[in-house]
Amino acid sequence: MIFVTVGTHEQGFERLIKKIDDLVRNGKIKEDVVMQIGFTQYKPKYCKWQKLFPYNEMKEMVQKARIVITHGGPASFIMALQEGKTPIVVPRMAKYNEHVNDHQVEFTNFVSNRYKNIIVIKDVKDLENAIVNFDNNKLANSSKINNNSIFISKFEDIVKELFEK
């Protein structure tokens, strides 16, 4: 199963949701896909979806999923990391009216370059390849984070480093 989440930001994320739905329609994705679409106006026709899920259901879906695809919000991709998943992260972009600025692009690039534990996809045309070849391309550094204090410390270091720039 593939689980897709776009978080709870009030702007939609049509670019991601429509692309995944198209990949299922065209037979490029053959497994079940469940999506949390938030405030996206496009309603998937080929995937199971819900606007929002309670936290415990989100966590359960992340645990069950073979692949987790998220927007660039830290809470979403960190949940996947906490469950030992290598998330595919598609940051929202201002030029598509998905967010107010490109902080998700900057932050996901920073995390990817520093920790090498997320797969960042900026152009949704690259999603098919990332999904089809996922098992061959999973990042070695992705492992379940069991110690929250270590995780929080590393996260704080990232935030501090961003503010120093």
N, C-alpha and C. Protein backbone atom coordinates (compact mmCIF):
# COMPACT_ATOMS: atom_id res chain seq x y z
N MET A 1 0.84 -1.17 0.00
CA MET A 1 0.00 0.00 0.00
C MET A 1 0.90 1.24 0.00
N ILE A 2 0.44 2.25 -0.70
CA ILE A 2 1.11 3.56 -0.71
C ILE A 2 0.21 4.52 0.04
N PHE A 3 0.80 5.27 0.96
CA PHE A 3 0.05 6.28 1.70
C PHE A 3 0.59 7.66 1.32
N VAL A 4 -0.32 8.56 0.97
CA VAL A 4 0.04 9.92 0.56
C VAL A 4 -0.63 10.89 1.53
N THR A 5 0.15 11.84 2.05
CA THR A 5 -0.43 12.86 2.92
C THR A 5 0.08 14.25 2.52
N VAL A 6 -0.84 15.19 2.51
CA VAL A 6 -0.49 16.57 2.17
C VAL A 6 -0.60 17.51 3.37
N GLY A 7 -0.80 16.94 4.56
CA GLY A 7 -0.88 17.75 5.75
C GLY A 7 -2.20 18.50 5.85
N THR A 8 -2.21 19.54 6.68
CA THR A 8 -3.45 20.27 6.97
C THR A 8 -3.40 21.73 6.53
N HIS A 9 -2.39 22.10 5.75
CA HIS A 9 -2.28 23.48 5.26
C HIS A 9 -3.52 23.81 4.43
N GLU A 10 -3.99 25.05 4.55
CA GLU A 10 -5.27 25.43 3.92
C GLU A 10 -5.22 25.57 2.39
N GLN A 11 -4.04 25.58 1.79
CA GLN A 11 -3.96 25.61 0.34
C GLN A 11 -3.90 24.17 -0.17
N GLY A 12 -4.56 23.92 -1.30
CA GLY A 12 -4.59 22.58 -1.86
C GLY A 12 -3.25 22.16 -2.44
N PHE A 13 -3.16 20.89 -2.77
CA PHE A 13 -1.94 20.35 -3.37
C PHE A 13 -2.33 19.48 -4.56
N GLU A 14 -3.04 20.12 -5.51
CA GLU A 14 -3.54 19.43 -6.70
C GLU A 14 -2.43 18.73 -7.47
N ARG A 15 -1.29 19.38 -7.59
CA ARG A 15 -0.18 18.85 -8.38
C ARG A 15 0.20 17.44 -7.93
N LEU A 16 0.30 17.20 -6.65
CA LEU A 16 0.67 15.88 -6.13
C LEU A 16 -0.51 14.90 -6.22
N ILE A 17 -1.66 15.30 -5.74
CA ILE A 17 -2.81 14.38 -5.68
C ILE A 17 -3.22 13.94 -7.08
N LYS A 18 -3.30 14.87 -8.02
CA LYS A 18 -3.68 14.51 -9.39
C LYS A 18 -2.65 13.60 -10.03
N LYS A 19 -1.36 13.86 -9.81
CA LYS A 19 -0.31 13.03 -10.41
C LYS A 19 -0.40 11.59 -9.91
N ILE A 20 -0.58 11.39 -8.61
CA ILE A 20 -0.70 10.04 -8.07
C ILE A 20 -1.94 9.36 -8.64
N ASP A 21 -3.06 10.07 -8.69
CA ASP A 21 -4.29 9.50 -9.25
C ASP A 21 -4.08 9.09 -10.71
N ASP A 22 -3.37 9.93 -11.47
CA ASP A 22 -3.07 9.61 -12.88
C ASP A 22 -2.18 8.37 -12.99
N LEU A 23 -1.20 8.22 -12.11
CA LEU A 23 -0.31 7.06 -12.14
C LEU A 23 -1.09 5.77 -11.86
N VAL A 24 -2.07 5.84 -10.99
CA VAL A 24 -2.92 4.67 -10.72
C VAL A 24 -3.80 4.40 -11.94
N ARG A 25 -4.43 5.45 -12.48
CA ARG A 25 -5.29 5.31 -13.66
C ARG A 25 -4.53 4.67 -14.83
N ASN A 26 -3.29 5.08 -15.03
CA ASN A 26 -2.49 4.60 -16.15
C ASN A 26 -1.80 3.26 -15.88
N GLY A 27 -2.03 2.68 -14.71
CA GLY A 27 -1.45 1.38 -14.38
C GLY A 27 0.01 1.43 -13.98
N LYS A 28 0.56 2.61 -13.77
CA LYS A 28 1.96 2.73 -13.33
C LYS A 28 2.11 2.36 -11.86
N ILE A 29 1.06 2.62 -11.08
CA ILE A 29 0.99 2.16 -9.69
C ILE A 29 -0.07 1.07 -9.67
N LYS A 30 0.32 -0.11 -9.22
CA LYS A 30 -0.59 -1.25 -9.24
C LYS A 30 -1.12 -1.62 -7.86
N GLU A 31 -0.56 -1.04 -6.82
CA GLU A 31 -1.01 -1.37 -5.47
C GLU A 31 -2.02 -0.33 -4.98
N ASP A 32 -2.69 -0.66 -3.89
CA ASP A 32 -3.66 0.27 -3.31
C ASP A 32 -2.97 1.56 -2.89
N VAL A 33 -3.68 2.67 -3.07
CA VAL A 33 -3.19 3.98 -2.64
C VAL A 33 -4.27 4.60 -1.77
N VAL A 34 -3.85 5.08 -0.60
CA VAL A 34 -4.73 5.82 0.29
C VAL A 34 -4.15 7.21 0.42
N MET A 35 -5.03 8.23 0.26
CA MET A 35 -4.56 9.62 0.31
C MET A 35 -5.30 10.43 1.36
N GLN A 36 -4.55 11.27 2.04
CA GLN A 36 -5.10 12.31 2.90
C GLN A 36 -4.90 13.59 2.09
N ILE A 37 -6.01 14.14 1.54
CA ILE A 37 -5.89 15.22 0.55
C ILE A 37 -6.03 16.62 1.13
N GLY A 38 -6.35 16.75 2.40
CA GLY A 38 -6.46 18.08 3.00
C GLY A 38 -7.46 18.95 2.27
N PHE A 39 -7.03 20.15 1.91
CA PHE A 39 -7.92 21.12 1.27
C PHE A 39 -7.76 21.14 -0.25
N THR A 40 -7.22 20.08 -0.80
CA THR A 40 -7.09 19.94 -2.25
C THR A 40 -8.49 19.85 -2.86
N GLN A 41 -8.71 20.62 -3.93
CA GLN A 41 -10.02 20.62 -4.58
C GLN A 41 -10.23 19.39 -5.47
N TYR A 42 -9.15 18.90 -6.08
CA TYR A 42 -9.25 17.72 -6.94
C TYR A 42 -9.58 16.50 -6.08
N LYS A 43 -10.60 15.76 -6.46
CA LYS A 43 -11.00 14.56 -5.73
C LYS A 43 -10.55 13.34 -6.53
N PRO A 44 -9.66 12.52 -5.97
CA PRO A 44 -9.15 11.35 -6.69
C PRO A 44 -10.27 10.40 -7.13
N LYS A 45 -10.09 9.84 -8.31
CA LYS A 45 -11.07 8.92 -8.87
C LYS A 45 -10.59 7.47 -8.81
N TYR A 46 -9.29 7.26 -8.63
CA TYR A 46 -8.71 5.92 -8.71
C TYR A 46 -8.04 5.48 -7.42
N CYS A 47 -8.11 6.32 -6.40
CA CYS A 47 -7.48 6.03 -5.11
C CYS A 47 -8.50 6.24 -4.00
N LYS A 48 -8.30 5.54 -2.89
CA LYS A 48 -9.10 5.79 -1.70
C LYS A 48 -8.58 7.10 -1.10
N TRP A 49 -9.47 7.92 -0.60
CA TRP A 49 -9.03 9.18 -0.03
C TRP A 49 -9.97 9.67 1.05
N GLN A 50 -9.44 10.57 1.84
CA GLN A 50 -10.19 11.23 2.88
C GLN A 50 -9.55 12.61 3.04
N LYS A 51 -10.37 13.59 3.38
CA LYS A 51 -9.83 14.94 3.55
C LYS A 51 -8.79 14.96 4.68
N LEU A 52 -9.14 14.46 5.84
CA LEU A 52 -8.25 14.42 6.99
C LEU A 52 -8.44 13.10 7.73
N PHE A 53 -7.39 12.65 8.39
CA PHE A 53 -7.45 11.45 9.22
C PHE A 53 -7.06 11.84 10.64
N PRO A 54 -7.65 11.19 11.63
CA PRO A 54 -7.16 11.39 13.01
C PRO A 54 -5.72 10.91 13.10
N TYR A 55 -4.98 11.46 14.04
CA TYR A 55 -3.56 11.16 14.20
C TYR A 55 -3.29 9.66 14.28
N ASN A 56 -4.06 8.94 15.10
CA ASN A 56 -3.80 7.51 15.28
C ASN A 56 -4.01 6.73 13.98
N GLU A 57 -4.96 7.14 13.14
CA GLU A 57 -5.16 6.49 11.85
C GLU A 57 -4.02 6.81 10.89
N MET A 58 -3.55 8.06 10.92
CA MET A 58 -2.40 8.45 10.08
C MET A 58 -1.20 7.58 10.44
N LYS A 59 -0.93 7.48 11.72
CA LYS A 59 0.22 6.71 12.18
C LYS A 59 0.09 5.25 11.74
N GLU A 60 -1.09 4.69 11.86
CA GLU A 60 -1.32 3.30 11.45
C GLU A 60 -1.08 3.12 9.95
N MET A 61 -1.54 4.08 9.15
CA MET A 61 -1.34 3.99 7.70
C MET A 61 0.14 4.09 7.34
N VAL A 62 0.84 4.98 8.02
CA VAL A 62 2.29 5.11 7.79
C VAL A 62 2.98 3.79 8.14
N GLN A 63 2.59 3.18 9.24
CA GLN A 63 3.19 1.91 9.65
C GLN A 63 2.94 0.81 8.62
N LYS A 64 1.73 0.76 8.07
CA LYS A 64 1.34 -0.30 7.13
C LYS A 64 1.88 -0.07 5.72
N ALA A 65 2.14 1.16 5.36
CA ALA A 65 2.50 1.50 3.98
C ALA A 65 3.87 0.96 3.59
N ARG A 66 3.97 0.51 2.36
CA ARG A 66 5.27 0.16 1.79
C ARG A 66 6.01 1.43 1.42
N ILE A 67 5.26 2.40 0.88
CA ILE A 67 5.82 3.70 0.50
C ILE A 67 4.95 4.79 1.14
N VAL A 68 5.61 5.80 1.71
CA VAL A 68 4.93 6.98 2.24
C VAL A 68 5.37 8.17 1.41
N ILE A 69 4.40 8.90 0.87
CA ILE A 69 4.67 10.11 0.09
C ILE A 69 4.04 11.27 0.84
N THR A 70 4.84 12.30 1.13
CA THR A 70 4.34 13.43 1.91
C THR A 70 4.66 14.76 1.21
N HIS A 71 4.00 15.79 1.69
CA HIS A 71 4.40 17.15 1.33
C HIS A 71 5.64 17.46 2.15
N GLY A 72 6.17 18.66 2.04
CA GLY A 72 7.42 19.00 2.72
C GLY A 72 7.28 19.49 4.14
N GLY A 73 6.10 19.33 4.73
CA GLY A 73 5.92 19.72 6.12
C GLY A 73 6.64 18.75 7.05
N PRO A 74 7.45 19.27 7.98
CA PRO A 74 8.25 18.40 8.82
C PRO A 74 7.44 17.35 9.58
N ALA A 75 6.29 17.71 10.11
CA ALA A 75 5.52 16.74 10.89
C ALA A 75 5.16 15.51 10.06
N SER A 76 4.87 15.71 8.80
CA SER A 76 4.48 14.59 7.94
C SER A 76 5.65 13.67 7.62
N PHE A 77 6.76 14.24 7.16
CA PHE A 77 7.85 13.33 6.79
C PHE A 77 8.60 12.81 8.01
N ILE A 78 8.56 13.54 9.13
CA ILE A 78 9.19 13.04 10.35
C ILE A 78 8.41 11.85 10.89
N MET A 79 7.09 11.85 10.77
CA MET A 79 6.31 10.70 11.20
C MET A 79 6.76 9.45 10.46
N ALA A 80 6.98 9.58 9.15
CA ALA A 80 7.45 8.44 8.36
C ALA A 80 8.83 7.99 8.84
N LEU A 81 9.72 8.93 9.09
CA LEU A 81 11.07 8.59 9.58
C LEU A 81 10.99 7.89 10.94
N GLN A 82 10.10 8.34 11.80
CA GLN A 82 9.96 7.73 13.12
C GLN A 82 9.51 6.28 13.01
N GLU A 83 8.86 5.94 11.93
CA GLU A 83 8.39 4.57 11.72
C GLU A 83 9.35 3.75 10.86
N GLY A 84 10.55 4.29 10.64
CA GLY A 84 11.56 3.55 9.90
C GLY A 84 11.38 3.56 8.41
N LYS A 85 10.58 4.48 7.90
CA LYS A 85 10.32 4.58 6.46
C LYS A 85 11.25 5.61 5.82
N THR A 86 11.55 5.40 4.56
CA THR A 86 12.23 6.41 3.75
C THR A 86 11.13 7.13 2.98
N PRO A 87 10.72 8.32 3.40
CA PRO A 87 9.62 8.98 2.72
C PRO A 87 10.05 9.63 1.39
N ILE A 88 9.13 9.59 0.44
CA ILE A 88 9.26 10.40 -0.77
C ILE A 88 8.58 11.72 -0.41
N VAL A 89 9.32 12.82 -0.51
CA VAL A 89 8.81 14.12 -0.07
C VAL A 89 8.71 15.06 -1.27
N VAL A 90 7.49 15.56 -1.48
CA VAL A 90 7.24 16.51 -2.57
C VAL A 90 6.91 17.85 -1.92
N PRO A 91 7.89 18.77 -1.88
CA PRO A 91 7.63 20.05 -1.21
C PRO A 91 6.62 20.90 -1.98
N ARG A 92 5.76 21.56 -1.23
CA ARG A 92 4.82 22.52 -1.82
C ARG A 92 5.63 23.71 -2.35
N MET A 93 5.13 24.33 -3.43
CA MET A 93 5.84 25.46 -4.02
C MET A 93 4.91 26.65 -4.22
N ALA A 94 5.46 27.82 -3.98
CA ALA A 94 4.69 29.07 -4.14
C ALA A 94 4.25 29.27 -5.58
N LYS A 95 5.08 28.91 -6.55
CA LYS A 95 4.73 29.18 -7.96
C LYS A 95 3.48 28.42 -8.41
N TYR A 96 3.12 27.36 -7.68
CA TYR A 96 1.90 26.61 -7.98
C TYR A 96 0.77 26.97 -7.02
N ASN A 97 0.97 28.00 -6.21
CA ASN A 97 0.00 28.46 -5.23
C ASN A 97 -0.32 27.36 -4.20
N GLU A 98 0.72 26.58 -3.84
CA GLU A 98 0.56 25.50 -2.87
C GLU A 98 0.95 25.95 -1.46
N HIS A 99 1.68 27.06 -1.40
CA HIS A 99 2.10 27.62 -0.12
C HIS A 99 2.46 29.09 -0.34
N VAL A 100 2.70 29.81 0.74
CA VAL A 100 2.97 31.24 0.64
C VAL A 100 4.39 31.55 0.17
N ASN A 101 5.32 30.57 0.33
CA ASN A 101 6.70 30.75 -0.11
C ASN A 101 7.30 29.36 -0.35
N ASP A 102 8.59 29.30 -0.57
CA ASP A 102 9.23 28.02 -0.87
C ASP A 102 10.03 27.46 0.31
N HIS A 103 9.59 27.72 1.52
CA HIS A 103 10.32 27.21 2.68
C HIS A 103 10.36 25.67 2.71
N GLN A 104 9.34 25.00 2.17
CA GLN A 104 9.37 23.53 2.14
C GLN A 104 10.47 23.02 1.22
N VAL A 105 10.69 23.71 0.12
CA VAL A 105 11.77 23.32 -0.80
C VAL A 105 13.11 23.48 -0.08
N GLU A 106 13.31 24.64 0.54
CA GLU A 106 14.57 24.91 1.23
C GLU A 106 14.81 23.92 2.37
N PHE A 107 13.78 23.67 3.16
CA PHE A 107 13.94 22.80 4.33
C PHE A 107 14.19 21.35 3.91
N THR A 108 13.43 20.85 2.94
CA THR A 108 13.62 19.46 2.52
C THR A 108 14.98 19.27 1.84
N ASN A 109 15.43 20.26 1.10
CA ASN A 109 16.78 20.18 0.52
C ASN A 109 17.83 20.10 1.62
N PHE A 110 17.65 20.92 2.64
CA PHE A 110 18.59 20.93 3.75
C PHE A 110 18.63 19.58 4.46
N VAL A 111 17.46 19.03 4.79
CA VAL A 111 17.38 17.73 5.47
C VAL A 111 17.97 16.64 4.59
N SER A 112 17.63 16.65 3.32
CA SER A 112 18.13 15.63 2.39
C SER A 112 19.65 15.69 2.28
N ASN A 113 20.19 16.88 2.13
CA ASN A 113 21.65 17.03 2.00
C ASN A 113 22.38 16.66 3.29
N ARG A 114 21.80 17.00 4.40
CA ARG A 114 22.48 16.76 5.68
C ARG A 114 22.34 15.32 6.16
N TYR A 115 21.12 14.76 6.09
CA TYR A 115 20.88 13.45 6.68
C TYR A 115 20.70 12.33 5.66
N LYS A 116 20.43 12.69 4.42
CA LYS A 116 20.29 11.70 3.35
C LYS A 116 19.27 10.61 3.70
N ASN A 117 18.16 11.02 4.33
CA ASN A 117 17.17 10.03 4.75
C ASN A 117 15.77 10.27 4.19
N ILE A 118 15.66 11.20 3.25
CA ILE A 118 14.40 11.43 2.55
C ILE A 118 14.70 11.55 1.06
N ILE A 119 13.71 11.21 0.25
CA ILE A 119 13.84 11.35 -1.20
C ILE A 119 13.01 12.56 -1.60
N VAL A 120 13.66 13.62 -2.04
CA VAL A 120 12.97 14.86 -2.40
C VAL A 120 12.67 14.86 -3.90
N ILE A 121 11.41 15.10 -4.22
CA ILE A 121 10.95 15.18 -5.60
C ILE A 121 10.31 16.55 -5.81
N LYS A 122 10.94 17.39 -6.60
CA LYS A 122 10.38 18.72 -6.84
C LYS A 122 9.46 18.74 -8.05
N ASP A 123 9.77 17.93 -9.06
CA ASP A 123 8.96 17.87 -10.28
C ASP A 123 8.16 16.56 -10.24
N VAL A 124 6.84 16.66 -10.23
CA VAL A 124 6.01 15.46 -10.11
C VAL A 124 6.20 14.49 -11.28
N LYS A 125 6.81 14.94 -12.36
CA LYS A 125 7.12 14.03 -13.47
C LYS A 125 8.11 12.95 -13.01
N ASP A 126 8.87 13.23 -11.95
CA ASP A 126 9.85 12.28 -11.43
C ASP A 126 9.26 11.28 -10.43
N LEU A 127 7.99 11.44 -10.09
CA LEU A 127 7.36 10.55 -9.11
C LEU A 127 7.26 9.11 -9.60
N GLU A 128 6.90 8.92 -10.85
CA GLU A 128 6.75 7.55 -11.37
C GLU A 128 8.04 6.76 -11.15
N ASN A 129 9.16 7.32 -11.55
CA ASN A 129 10.44 6.64 -11.39
C ASN A 129 10.76 6.38 -9.92
N ALA A 130 10.49 7.36 -9.06
CA ALA A 130 10.77 7.20 -7.63
C ALA A 130 9.93 6.08 -7.03
N ILE A 131 8.70 5.94 -7.48
CA ILE A 131 7.80 4.91 -6.95
C ILE A 131 8.16 3.54 -7.53
N VAL A 132 8.31 3.47 -8.85
CA VAL A 132 8.60 2.19 -9.51
C VAL A 132 9.93 1.60 -9.02
N ASN A 133 10.90 2.45 -8.78
CA ASN A 133 12.24 1.98 -8.36
C ASN A 133 12.48 2.16 -6.86
N PHE A 134 11.42 2.33 -6.11
CA PHE A 134 11.56 2.66 -4.69
C PHE A 134 12.40 1.64 -3.92
N ASP A 135 12.10 0.37 -4.09
CA ASP A 135 12.81 -0.65 -3.30
C ASP A 135 14.30 -0.70 -3.62
N ASN A 136 14.67 -0.34 -4.83
CA ASN A 136 16.09 -0.31 -5.21
C ASN A 136 16.78 0.96 -4.76
N ASN A 137 16.01 2.03 -4.53
CA ASN A 137 16.59 3.34 -4.23
C ASN A 137 16.41 3.80 -2.80
N LYS A 138 15.82 2.97 -1.93
CA LYS A 138 15.64 3.39 -0.55
C LYS A 138 16.98 3.80 0.04
N LEU A 139 16.97 4.78 0.85
CA LEU A 139 18.20 5.30 1.42
C LEU A 139 18.64 4.48 2.62
N ALA A 140 19.89 4.17 2.66
CA ALA A 140 20.45 3.32 3.72
C ALA A 140 20.34 3.96 5.10
N ASN A 141 20.33 5.27 5.18
CA ASN A 141 20.33 5.94 6.48
C ASN A 141 18.96 6.00 7.14
N SER A 142 17.94 5.51 6.48
CA SER A 142 16.61 5.55 7.09
C SER A 142 16.47 4.40 8.07
N SER A 143 16.28 4.73 9.31
CA SER A 143 16.07 3.70 10.33
C SER A 143 15.10 4.26 11.36
N LYS A 144 14.41 3.36 12.02
CA LYS A 144 13.42 3.77 13.00
C LYS A 144 14.08 4.59 14.10
N ILE A 145 13.48 5.71 14.41
CA ILE A 145 13.99 6.58 15.45
C ILE A 145 13.29 6.18 16.75
N ASN A 146 14.01 5.54 17.64
CA ASN A 146 13.43 5.08 18.89
C ASN A 146 13.66 6.04 20.03
N ASN A 147 14.64 6.87 19.91
CA ASN A 147 14.99 7.75 21.01
C ASN A 147 14.56 9.17 20.66
N ASN A 148 13.41 9.59 21.19
CA ASN A 148 12.87 10.90 20.84
C ASN A 148 13.78 12.04 21.24
N SER A 149 14.50 11.93 22.34
CA SER A 149 15.37 13.04 22.76
C SER A 149 16.50 13.26 21.76
N ILE A 150 17.05 12.18 21.19
CA ILE A 150 18.08 12.32 20.16
C ILE A 150 17.48 12.95 18.92
N PHE A 151 16.29 12.49 18.55
CA PHE A 151 15.61 13.02 17.36
C PHE A 151 15.34 14.53 17.53
N ILE A 152 14.80 14.90 18.68
CA ILE A 152 14.48 16.31 18.93
C ILE A 152 15.75 17.15 18.90
N SER A 153 16.82 16.64 19.46
CA SER A 153 18.10 17.35 19.45
C SER A 153 18.58 17.60 18.03
N LYS A 154 18.51 16.56 17.19
CA LYS A 154 18.93 16.72 15.80
C LYS A 154 18.03 17.72 15.07
N PHE A 155 16.73 17.66 15.33
CA PHE A 155 15.80 18.57 14.70
C PHE A 155 16.10 20.01 15.13
N GLU A 156 16.37 20.22 16.41
CA GLU A 156 16.72 21.55 16.90
C GLU A 156 17.99 22.07 16.23
N ASP A 157 18.96 21.18 16.02
CA ASP A 157 20.20 21.58 15.33
C ASP A 157 19.90 22.07 13.92
N ILE A 158 19.00 21.38 13.23
CA ILE A 158 18.62 21.79 11.87
C ILE A 158 18.01 23.18 11.89
N VAL A 159 17.07 23.39 12.80
CA VAL A 159 16.39 24.68 12.88
C VAL A 159 17.39 25.79 13.20
N LYS A 160 18.28 25.56 14.16
CA LYS A 160 19.30 26.55 14.52
C LYS A 160 20.17 26.89 13.32
N GLU A 161 20.58 25.86 12.60
CA GLU A 161 21.44 26.07 11.42
C GLU A 161 20.72 26.87 10.35
N LEU A 162 19.44 26.64 10.18
CA LEU A 162 18.66 27.40 9.19
C LEU A 162 18.58 28.87 9.57
N PHE A 163 18.39 29.15 10.87
CA PHE A 163 18.28 30.54 11.32
C PHE A 163 19.61 31.26 11.27
N GLU A 164 20.72 30.54 11.30
CA GLU A 164 22.03 31.16 11.23
C GLU A 164 22.38 31.61 9.81
N LYS A 165 21.68 31.10 8.84
CA LYS A 165 21.97 31.46 7.43
C LYS A 165 21.42 32.80 7.06
